[in-house]
Amino acid sequence: MIEISDTRNKYVLRLDGVRVGTCTYRDAGNRRVLIHTEIEPDYAGQGLATQLIEWALADIKGKGMHVVPQCPMVAHYLETHHQFDDIVDQ
């Protein structure tokens, strides 16, 4: 079971209760700067980073904030998934 939560300036992804990934951020006013996304090596290649990024972006959009994609993984995701174009800020 996948569980994602927002705690202490990071989104945390857990799989069956085990922490397997994080996406760190900092807020700057109404902008959430996504800094780094990381999945534990044993869990790589399962699409978990994509799920974590999608959840983070949906959360940011739901809060009425904008996203600044400093993380290369997030920036790449946004280049090919345009449903979040309205919240992207540089």
PDB file of N, CA and C in Angstrom:
ATOM      1  N   MET A   1       0.839  -1.181   0.000  1.00  0.00           N
ATOM      2  CA  MET A   1       0.000   0.000   0.000  1.00  0.00           C
ATOM      3  C   MET A   1       0.886   1.247   0.000  1.00  0.00           C
ATOM      4  N   ILE A   2       0.604   2.169  -0.909  1.00  0.00           N
ATOM      5  CA  ILE A   2       1.367   3.416  -0.999  1.00  0.00           C
ATOM      6  C   ILE A   2       0.688   4.486  -0.158  1.00  0.00           C
ATOM      7  N   GLU A   3       1.503   5.187   0.605  1.00  0.00           N
ATOM      8  CA  GLU A   3       1.019   6.263   1.465  1.00  0.00           C
ATOM      9  C   GLU A   3       1.963   7.445   1.292  1.00  0.00           C
ATOM     10  N   ILE A   4       1.413   8.637   1.043  1.00  0.00           N
ATOM     11  CA  ILE A   4       2.229   9.837   0.884  1.00  0.00           C
ATOM     12  C   ILE A   4       1.729  10.888   1.865  1.00  0.00           C
ATOM     13  N   SER A   5       2.679  11.524   2.548  1.00  0.00           N
ATOM     14  CA  SER A   5       2.309  12.560   3.511  1.00  0.00           C
ATOM     15  C   SER A   5       3.233  13.758   3.353  1.00  0.00           C
ATOM     16  N   ASP A   6       2.814  14.880   3.906  1.00  0.00           N
ATOM     17  CA  ASP A   6       3.566  16.129   3.857  1.00  0.00           C
ATOM     18  C   ASP A   6       4.011  16.457   5.276  1.00  0.00           C
ATOM     19  N   THR A   7       5.306  16.321   5.535  1.00  0.00           N
ATOM     20  CA  THR A   7       5.831  16.594   6.877  1.00  0.00           C
ATOM     21  C   THR A   7       7.159  17.325   6.826  1.00  0.00           C
ATOM     22  N   ARG A   8       7.266  18.370   7.607  1.00  0.00           N
ATOM     23  CA  ARG A   8       8.530  19.092   7.796  1.00  0.00           C
ATOM     24  C   ARG A   8       9.288  19.375   6.506  1.00  0.00           C
ATOM     25  N   ASN A   9       8.654  20.089   5.625  1.00  0.00           N
ATOM     26  CA  ASN A   9       9.268  20.519   4.368  1.00  0.00           C
ATOM     27  C   ASN A   9       9.665  19.373   3.450  1.00  0.00           C
ATOM     28  N   LYS A  10       8.921  18.273   3.527  1.00  0.00           N
ATOM     29  CA  LYS A  10       9.141  17.189   2.574  1.00  0.00           C
ATOM     30  C   LYS A  10       7.892  16.340   2.448  1.00  0.00           C
ATOM     31  N   TYR A  11       7.711  15.878   1.242  1.00  0.00           N
ATOM     32  CA  TYR A  11       6.683  14.877   1.002  1.00  0.00           C
ATOM     33  C   TYR A  11       7.367  13.523   1.190  1.00  0.00           C
ATOM     34  N   VAL A  12       6.729  12.638   1.920  1.00  0.00           N
ATOM     35  CA  VAL A  12       7.317  11.335   2.215  1.00  0.00           C
ATOM     36  C   VAL A  12       6.429  10.244   1.624  1.00  0.00           C
ATOM     37  N   LEU A  13       7.045   9.330   0.881  1.00  0.00           N
ATOM     38  CA  LEU A  13       6.333   8.204   0.297  1.00  0.00           C
ATOM     39  C   LEU A  13       6.709   6.946   1.080  1.00  0.00           C
ATOM     40  N   ARG A  14       5.678   6.249   1.539  1.00  0.00           N
ATOM     41  CA  ARG A  14       5.876   4.987   2.243  1.00  0.00           C
ATOM     42  C   ARG A  14       5.186   3.876   1.465  1.00  0.00           C
ATOM     43  N   LEU A  15       5.833   2.737   1.421  1.00  0.00           N
ATOM     44  CA  LEU A  15       5.285   1.556   0.772  1.00  0.00           C
ATOM     45  C   LEU A  15       5.183   0.477   1.837  1.00  0.00           C
ATOM     46  N   ASP A  16       3.956   0.076   2.140  1.00  0.00           N
ATOM     47  CA  ASP A  16       3.704  -0.892   3.219  1.00  0.00           C
ATOM     48  C   ASP A  16       4.366  -0.453   4.529  1.00  0.00           C
ATOM     49  N   GLY A  17       4.282   0.850   4.801  1.00  0.00           N
ATOM     50  CA  GLY A  17       4.803   1.400   6.046  1.00  0.00           C
ATOM     51  C   GLY A  17       6.280   1.736   6.042  1.00  0.00           C
ATOM     52  N   VAL A  18       7.002   1.364   4.996  1.00  0.00           N
ATOM     53  CA  VAL A  18       8.440   1.618   4.911  1.00  0.00           C
ATOM     54  C   VAL A  18       8.682   2.878   4.089  1.00  0.00           C
ATOM     55  N   ARG A  19       9.451   3.813   4.642  1.00  0.00           N
ATOM     56  CA  ARG A  19       9.786   5.047   3.925  1.00  0.00           C
ATOM     57  C   ARG A  19      10.718   4.712   2.763  1.00  0.00           C
ATOM     58  N   VAL A  20      10.258   4.987   1.548  1.00  0.00           N
ATOM     59  CA  VAL A  20      11.047   4.643   0.369  1.00  0.00           C
ATOM     60  C   VAL A  20      11.395   5.844  -0.500  1.00  0.00           C
ATOM     61  N   GLY A  21      10.820   7.014  -0.213  1.00  0.00           N
ATOM     62  CA  GLY A  21      11.122   8.177  -1.029  1.00  0.00           C
ATOM     63  C   GLY A  21      10.727   9.478  -0.380  1.00  0.00           C
ATOM     64  N   THR A  22      11.387  10.553  -0.830  1.00  0.00           N
ATOM     65  CA  THR A  22      11.071  11.892  -0.334  1.00  0.00           C
ATOM     66  C   THR A  22      11.192  12.909  -1.474  1.00  0.00           C
ATOM     67  N   CYS A  23      10.472  13.976  -1.303  1.00  0.00           N
ATOM     68  CA  CYS A  23      10.583  15.135  -2.183  1.00  0.00           C
ATOM     69  C   CYS A  23      10.659  16.349  -1.257  1.00  0.00           C
ATOM     70  N   THR A  24      11.834  16.948  -1.165  1.00  0.00           N
ATOM     71  CA  THR A  24      12.029  18.069  -0.246  1.00  0.00           C
ATOM     72  C   THR A  24      11.651  19.385  -0.920  1.00  0.00           C
ATOM     73  N   TYR A  25      11.203  20.327  -0.093  1.00  0.00           N
ATOM     74  CA  TYR A  25      10.797  21.633  -0.621  1.00  0.00           C
ATOM     75  C   TYR A  25      11.027  22.714   0.417  1.00  0.00           C
ATOM     76  N   ARG A  26      10.919  23.951  -0.062  1.00  0.00           N
ATOM     77  CA  ARG A  26      10.870  25.112   0.827  1.00  0.00           C
ATOM     78  C   ARG A  26       9.822  26.049   0.257  1.00  0.00           C
ATOM     79  N   ASP A  27       9.163  26.736   1.139  1.00  0.00           N
ATOM     80  CA  ASP A  27       8.141  27.680   0.705  1.00  0.00           C
ATOM     81  C   ASP A  27       8.725  29.082   0.651  1.00  0.00           C
ATOM     82  N   ALA A  28       8.318  29.811  -0.372  1.00  0.00           N
ATOM     83  CA  ALA A  28       8.705  31.207  -0.549  1.00  0.00           C
ATOM     84  C   ALA A  28       7.431  31.967  -0.893  1.00  0.00           C
ATOM     85  N   GLY A  29       6.761  32.432   0.146  1.00  0.00           N
ATOM     86  CA  GLY A  29       5.476  33.080  -0.067  1.00  0.00           C
ATOM     87  C   GLY A  29       4.465  32.071  -0.574  1.00  0.00           C
ATOM     88  N   ASN A  30       3.861  32.363  -1.717  1.00  0.00           N
ATOM     89  CA  ASN A  30       2.853  31.482  -2.315  1.00  0.00           C
ATOM     90  C   ASN A  30       3.484  30.482  -3.291  1.00  0.00           C
ATOM     91  N   ARG A  31       4.800  30.348  -3.234  1.00  0.00           N
ATOM     92  CA  ARG A  31       5.511  29.436  -4.137  1.00  0.00           C
ATOM     93  C   ARG A  31       6.155  28.312  -3.332  1.00  0.00           C
ATOM     94  N   ARG A  32       5.969  27.097  -3.793  1.00  0.00           N
ATOM     95  CA  ARG A  32       6.621  25.946  -3.164  1.00  0.00           C
ATOM     96  C   ARG A  32       7.735  25.502  -4.112  1.00  0.00           C
ATOM     97  N   VAL A  33       8.962  25.610  -3.632  1.00  0.00           N
ATOM     98  CA  VAL A  33      10.138  25.265  -4.418  1.00  0.00           C
ATOM     99  C   VAL A  33      10.472  23.796  -4.158  1.00  0.00           C
ATOM    100  N   LEU A  34      10.298  22.954  -5.171  1.00  0.00           N
ATOM    101  CA  LEU A  34      10.630  21.540  -5.033  1.00  0.00           C
ATOM    102  C   LEU A  34      12.117  21.380  -5.341  1.00  0.00           C
ATOM    103  N   ILE A  35      12.861  20.952  -4.327  1.00  0.00           N
ATOM    104  CA  ILE A  35      14.321  20.967  -4.382  1.00  0.00           C
ATOM    105  C   ILE A  35      14.917  19.639  -4.852  1.00  0.00           C
ATOM    106  N   HIS A  36      14.454  18.543  -4.280  1.00  0.00           N
ATOM    107  CA  HIS A  36      15.093  17.255  -4.570  1.00  0.00           C
ATOM    108  C   HIS A  36      14.102  16.122  -4.340  1.00  0.00           C
ATOM    109  N   THR A  37      14.074  15.185  -5.280  1.00  0.00           N
ATOM    110  CA  THR A  37      13.243  13.994  -5.152  1.00  0.00           C
ATOM    111  C   THR A  37      14.170  12.785  -5.156  1.00  0.00           C
ATOM    112  N   GLU A  38      13.921  11.878  -4.219  1.00  0.00           N
ATOM    113  CA  GLU A  38      14.787  10.699  -4.111  1.00  0.00           C
ATOM    114  C   GLU A  38      13.976   9.469  -3.725  1.00  0.00           C
ATOM    115  N   ILE A  39      14.250   8.380  -4.417  1.00  0.00           N
ATOM    116  CA  ILE A  39      13.660   7.083  -4.112  1.00  0.00           C
ATOM    117  C   ILE A  39      14.808   6.162  -3.700  1.00  0.00           C
ATOM    118  N   GLU A  40      14.600   5.385  -2.657  1.00  0.00           N
ATOM    119  CA  GLU A  40      15.628   4.449  -2.211  1.00  0.00           C
ATOM    120  C   GLU A  40      15.986   3.502  -3.364  1.00  0.00           C
ATOM    121  N   PRO A  41      17.283   3.207  -3.541  1.00  0.00           N
ATOM    122  CA  PRO A  41      17.731   2.385  -4.673  1.00  0.00           C
ATOM    123  C   PRO A  41      16.998   1.050  -4.824  1.00  0.00           C
ATOM    124  N   ASP A  42      16.667   0.404  -3.730  1.00  0.00           N
ATOM    125  CA  ASP A  42      15.975  -0.887  -3.810  1.00  0.00           C
ATOM    126  C   ASP A  42      14.573  -0.769  -4.409  1.00  0.00           C
ATOM    127  N   TYR A  43      14.039   0.455  -4.486  1.00  0.00           N
ATOM    128  CA  TYR A  43      12.678   0.663  -4.977  1.00  0.00           C
ATOM    129  C   TYR A  43      12.649   1.425  -6.307  1.00  0.00           C
ATOM    130  N   ALA A  44      13.805   1.666  -6.881  1.00  0.00           N
ATOM    131  CA  ALA A  44      13.897   2.400  -8.150  1.00  0.00           C
ATOM    132  C   ALA A  44      13.261   1.603  -9.282  1.00  0.00           C
ATOM    133  N   GLY A  45      12.797   2.325 -10.292  1.00  0.00           N
ATOM    134  CA  GLY A  45      12.269   1.697 -11.488  1.00  0.00           C
ATOM    135  C   GLY A  45      10.845   1.172 -11.367  1.00  0.00           C
ATOM    136  N   GLN A  46      10.153   1.551 -10.294  1.00  0.00           N
ATOM    137  CA  GLN A  46       8.783   1.081 -10.088  1.00  0.00           C
ATOM    138  C   GLN A  46       7.747   2.185 -10.286  1.00  0.00           C
ATOM    139  N   GLY A  47       8.199   3.355 -10.747  1.00  0.00           N
ATOM    140  CA  GLY A  47       7.278   4.462 -10.964  1.00  0.00           C
ATOM    141  C   GLY A  47       6.898   5.209  -9.698  1.00  0.00           C
ATOM    142  N   LEU A  48       7.603   4.950  -8.610  1.00  0.00           N
ATOM    143  CA  LEU A  48       7.259   5.586  -7.334  1.00  0.00           C
ATOM    144  C   LEU A  48       7.575   7.079  -7.333  1.00  0.00           C
ATOM    145  N   ALA A  49       8.660   7.472  -7.982  1.00  0.00           N
ATOM    146  CA  ALA A  49       8.996   8.897  -8.047  1.00  0.00           C
ATOM    147  C   ALA A  49       7.893   9.661  -8.770  1.00  0.00           C
ATOM    148  N   THR A  50       7.377   9.089  -9.835  1.00  0.00           N
ATOM    149  CA  THR A  50       6.291   9.733 -10.584  1.00  0.00           C
ATOM    150  C   THR A  50       5.064   9.896  -9.701  1.00  0.00           C
ATOM    151  N   GLN A  51       4.722   8.870  -8.964  1.00  0.00           N
ATOM    152  CA  GLN A  51       3.563   8.962  -8.069  1.00  0.00           C
ATOM    153  C   GLN A  51       3.775  10.015  -6.990  1.00  0.00           C
ATOM    154  N   LEU A  52       4.980  10.079  -6.457  1.00  0.00           N
ATOM    155  CA  LEU A  52       5.294  11.069  -5.432  1.00  0.00           C
ATOM    156  C   LEU A  52       5.200  12.479  -6.000  1.00  0.00           C
ATOM    157  N   ILE A  53       5.757  12.683  -7.173  1.00  0.00           N
ATOM    158  CA  ILE A  53       5.716  14.003  -7.808  1.00  0.00           C
ATOM    159  C   ILE A  53       4.281  14.408  -8.141  1.00  0.00           C
ATOM    160  N   GLU A  54       3.505  13.485  -8.697  1.00  0.00           N
ATOM    161  CA  GLU A  54       2.100  13.791  -9.010  1.00  0.00           C
ATOM    162  C   GLU A  54       1.334  14.187  -7.756  1.00  0.00           C
ATOM    163  N   TRP A  55       1.558  13.468  -6.673  1.00  0.00           N
ATOM    164  CA  TRP A  55       0.861  13.763  -5.420  1.00  0.00           C
ATOM    165  C   TRP A  55       1.272  15.137  -4.907  1.00  0.00           C
ATOM    166  N   ALA A  56       2.577  15.426  -4.939  1.00  0.00           N
ATOM    167  CA  ALA A  56       3.070  16.723  -4.471  1.00  0.00           C
ATOM    168  C   ALA A  56       2.469  17.860  -5.291  1.00  0.00           C
ATOM    169  N   LEU A  57       2.464  17.713  -6.597  1.00  0.00           N
ATOM    170  CA  LEU A  57       1.922  18.768  -7.460  1.00  0.00           C
ATOM    171  C   LEU A  57       0.426  18.962  -7.237  1.00  0.00           C
ATOM    172  N   ALA A  58      -0.302  17.875  -7.072  1.00  0.00           N
ATOM    173  CA  ALA A  58      -1.740  17.986  -6.793  1.00  0.00           C
ATOM    174  C   ALA A  58      -1.973  18.677  -5.457  1.00  0.00           C
ATOM    175  N   ASP A  59      -1.135  18.380  -4.474  1.00  0.00           N
ATOM    176  CA  ASP A  59      -1.242  19.023  -3.166  1.00  0.00           C
ATOM    177  C   ASP A  59      -0.978  20.521  -3.278  1.00  0.00           C
ATOM    178  N   ILE A  60       0.067  20.869  -4.010  1.00  0.00           N
ATOM    179  CA  ILE A  60       0.421  22.285  -4.202  1.00  0.00           C
ATOM    180  C   ILE A  60      -0.722  23.021  -4.904  1.00  0.00           C
ATOM    181  N   LYS A  61      -1.245  22.416  -5.946  1.00  0.00           N
ATOM    182  CA  LYS A  61      -2.356  23.030  -6.691  1.00  0.00           C
ATOM    183  C   LYS A  61      -3.579  23.174  -5.791  1.00  0.00           C
ATOM    184  N   GLY A  62      -3.865  22.156  -5.008  1.00  0.00           N
ATOM    185  CA  GLY A  62      -5.011  22.187  -4.107  1.00  0.00           C
ATOM    186  C   GLY A  62      -4.909  23.266  -3.047  1.00  0.00           C
ATOM    187  N   LYS A  63      -3.693  23.641  -2.700  1.00  0.00           N
ATOM    188  CA  LYS A  63      -3.467  24.700  -1.713  1.00  0.00           C
ATOM    189  C   LYS A  63      -3.454  26.081  -2.348  1.00  0.00           C
ATOM    190  N   GLY A  64      -3.629  26.145  -3.672  1.00  0.00           N
ATOM    191  CA  GLY A  64      -3.632  27.434  -4.365  1.00  0.00           C
ATOM    192  C   GLY A  64      -2.250  28.038  -4.495  1.00  0.00           C
ATOM    193  N   MET A  65      -1.221  27.212  -4.409  1.00  0.00           N
ATOM    194  CA  MET A  65       0.155  27.693  -4.500  1.00  0.00           C
ATOM    195  C   MET A  65       0.686  27.477  -5.918  1.00  0.00           C
ATOM    196  N   HIS A  66       1.879  28.027  -6.167  1.00  0.00           N
ATOM    197  CA  HIS A  66       2.599  27.794  -7.411  1.00  0.00           C
ATOM    198  C   HIS A  66       3.820  26.935  -7.099  1.00  0.00           C
ATOM    199  N   VAL A  67       4.326  26.251  -8.113  1.00  0.00           N
ATOM    200  CA  VAL A  67       5.486  25.386  -7.930  1.00  0.00           C
ATOM    201  C   VAL A  67       6.681  25.940  -8.700  1.00  0.00           C
ATOM    202  N   VAL A  68       7.841  25.866  -8.066  1.00  0.00           N
ATOM    203  CA  VAL A  68       9.103  26.203  -8.716  1.00  0.00           C
ATOM    204  C   VAL A  68       9.911  24.907  -8.761  1.00  0.00           C
ATOM    205  N   PRO A  69      10.094  24.341  -9.954  1.00  0.00           N
ATOM    206  CA  PRO A  69      10.733  23.034 -10.071  1.00  0.00           C
ATOM    207  C   PRO A  69      12.263  23.101 -10.139  1.00  0.00           C
ATOM    208  N   GLN A  70      12.931  23.188  -9.006  1.00  0.00           N
ATOM    209  CA  GLN A  70      14.390  23.145  -9.006  1.00  0.00           C
ATOM    210  C   GLN A  70      14.907  21.718  -9.150  1.00  0.00           C
ATOM    211  N   CYS A  71      14.134  20.750  -8.724  1.00  0.00           N
ATOM    212  CA  CYS A  71      14.505  19.347  -8.851  1.00  0.00           C
ATOM    213  C   CYS A  71      14.428  18.942 -10.326  1.00  0.00           C
ATOM    214  N   PRO A  72      15.516  18.393 -10.889  1.00  0.00           N
ATOM    215  CA  PRO A  72      15.494  17.989 -12.294  1.00  0.00           C
ATOM    216  C   PRO A  72      14.405  16.961 -12.615  1.00  0.00           C
ATOM    217  N   MET A  73      14.125  16.077 -11.693  1.00  0.00           N
ATOM    218  CA  MET A  73      13.103  15.055 -11.923  1.00  0.00           C
ATOM    219  C   MET A  73      11.717  15.696 -12.040  1.00  0.00           C
ATOM    220  N   VAL A  74      11.441  16.673 -11.193  1.00  0.00           N
ATOM    221  CA  VAL A  74      10.162  17.387 -11.241  1.00  0.00           C
ATOM    222  C   VAL A  74      10.083  18.210 -12.529  1.00  0.00           C
ATOM    223  N   ALA A  75      11.174  18.886 -12.876  1.00  0.00           N
ATOM    224  CA  ALA A  75      11.191  19.695 -14.103  1.00  0.00           C
ATOM    225  C   ALA A  75      10.916  18.819 -15.320  1.00  0.00           C
ATOM    226  N   HIS A  76      11.523  17.647 -15.372  1.00  0.00           N
ATOM    227  CA  HIS A  76      11.290  16.729 -16.490  1.00  0.00           C
ATOM    228  C   HIS A  76       9.833  16.261 -16.521  1.00  0.00           C
ATOM    229  N   TYR A  77       9.291  15.949 -15.367  1.00  0.00           N
ATOM    230  CA  TYR A  77       7.890  15.530 -15.294  1.00  0.00           C
ATOM    231  C   TYR A  77       6.995  16.630 -15.869  1.00  0.00           C
ATOM    232  N   LEU A  78       7.244  17.866 -15.469  1.00  0.00           N
ATOM    233  CA  LEU A  78       6.404  18.977 -15.914  1.00  0.00           C
ATOM    234  C   LEU A  78       6.529  19.250 -17.412  1.00  0.00           C
ATOM    235  N   GLU A  79       7.667  18.900 -18.013  1.00  0.00           N
ATOM    236  CA  GLU A  79       7.840  19.088 -19.455  1.00  0.00           C
ATOM    237  C   GLU A  79       6.914  18.182 -20.261  1.00  0.00           C
ATOM    238  N   THR A  80       6.547  17.054 -19.696  1.00  0.00           N
ATOM    239  CA  THR A  80       5.749  16.080 -20.438  1.00  0.00           C
ATOM    240  C   THR A  80       4.335  15.890 -19.901  1.00  0.00           C
ATOM    241  N   HIS A  81       4.021  16.518 -18.776  1.00  0.00           N
ATOM    242  CA  HIS A  81       2.686  16.417 -18.183  1.00  0.00           C
ATOM    243  C   HIS A  81       2.163  17.840 -17.969  1.00  0.00           C
ATOM    244  N   HIS A  82       1.264  18.253 -18.817  1.00  0.00           N
ATOM    245  CA  HIS A  82       0.875  19.665 -18.838  1.00  0.00           C
ATOM    246  C   HIS A  82      -0.343  20.020 -17.979  1.00  0.00           C
ATOM    247  N   GLN A  83      -0.857  19.066 -17.226  1.00  0.00           N
ATOM    248  CA  GLN A  83      -2.019  19.375 -16.389  1.00  0.00           C
ATOM    249  C   GLN A  83      -1.676  20.319 -15.228  1.00  0.00           C
ATOM    250  N   PHE A  84      -0.380  20.566 -15.023  1.00  0.00           N
ATOM    251  CA  PHE A  84       0.027  21.472 -13.949  1.00  0.00           C
ATOM    252  C   PHE A  84       0.643  22.773 -14.488  1.00  0.00           C
ATOM    253  N   ASP A  85       0.534  23.012 -15.793  1.00  0.00           N
ATOM    254  CA  ASP A  85       1.108  24.216 -16.392  1.00  0.00           C
ATOM    255  C   ASP A  85       0.648  25.502 -15.706  1.00  0.00           C
ATOM    256  N   ASP A  86      -0.591  25.497 -15.223  1.00  0.00           N
ATOM    257  CA  ASP A  86      -1.145  26.720 -14.631  1.00  0.00           C
ATOM    258  C   ASP A  86      -0.535  27.074 -13.276  1.00  0.00           C
ATOM    259  N   ILE A  87       0.216  26.169 -12.672  1.00  0.00           N
ATOM    260  CA  ILE A  87       0.812  26.489 -11.364  1.00  0.00           C
ATOM    261  C   ILE A  87       2.336  26.591 -11.407  1.00  0.00           C
ATOM    262  N   VAL A  88       2.927  26.386 -12.586  1.00  0.00           N
ATOM    263  CA  VAL A  88       4.392  26.426 -12.712  1.00  0.00           C
ATOM    264  C   VAL A  88       4.870  27.851 -12.712  1.00  0.00           C
ATOM    265  N   ASP A  89       5.867  28.105 -11.891  1.00  0.00           N
ATOM    266  CA  ASP A  89       6.491  29.425 -11.778  1.00  0.00           C
ATOM    267  C   ASP A  89       8.000  29.201 -11.844  1.00  0.00           C
ATOM    268  N   GLN A  90       8.702  30.143 -12.336  1.00  0.00           N
ATOM    269  CA  GLN A  90      10.162  30.009 -12.411  1.00  0.00           C
ATOM    270  C   GLN A  90      10.772  30.896 -11.421  1.00  0.00           C
TER     271      GLN A  90
END
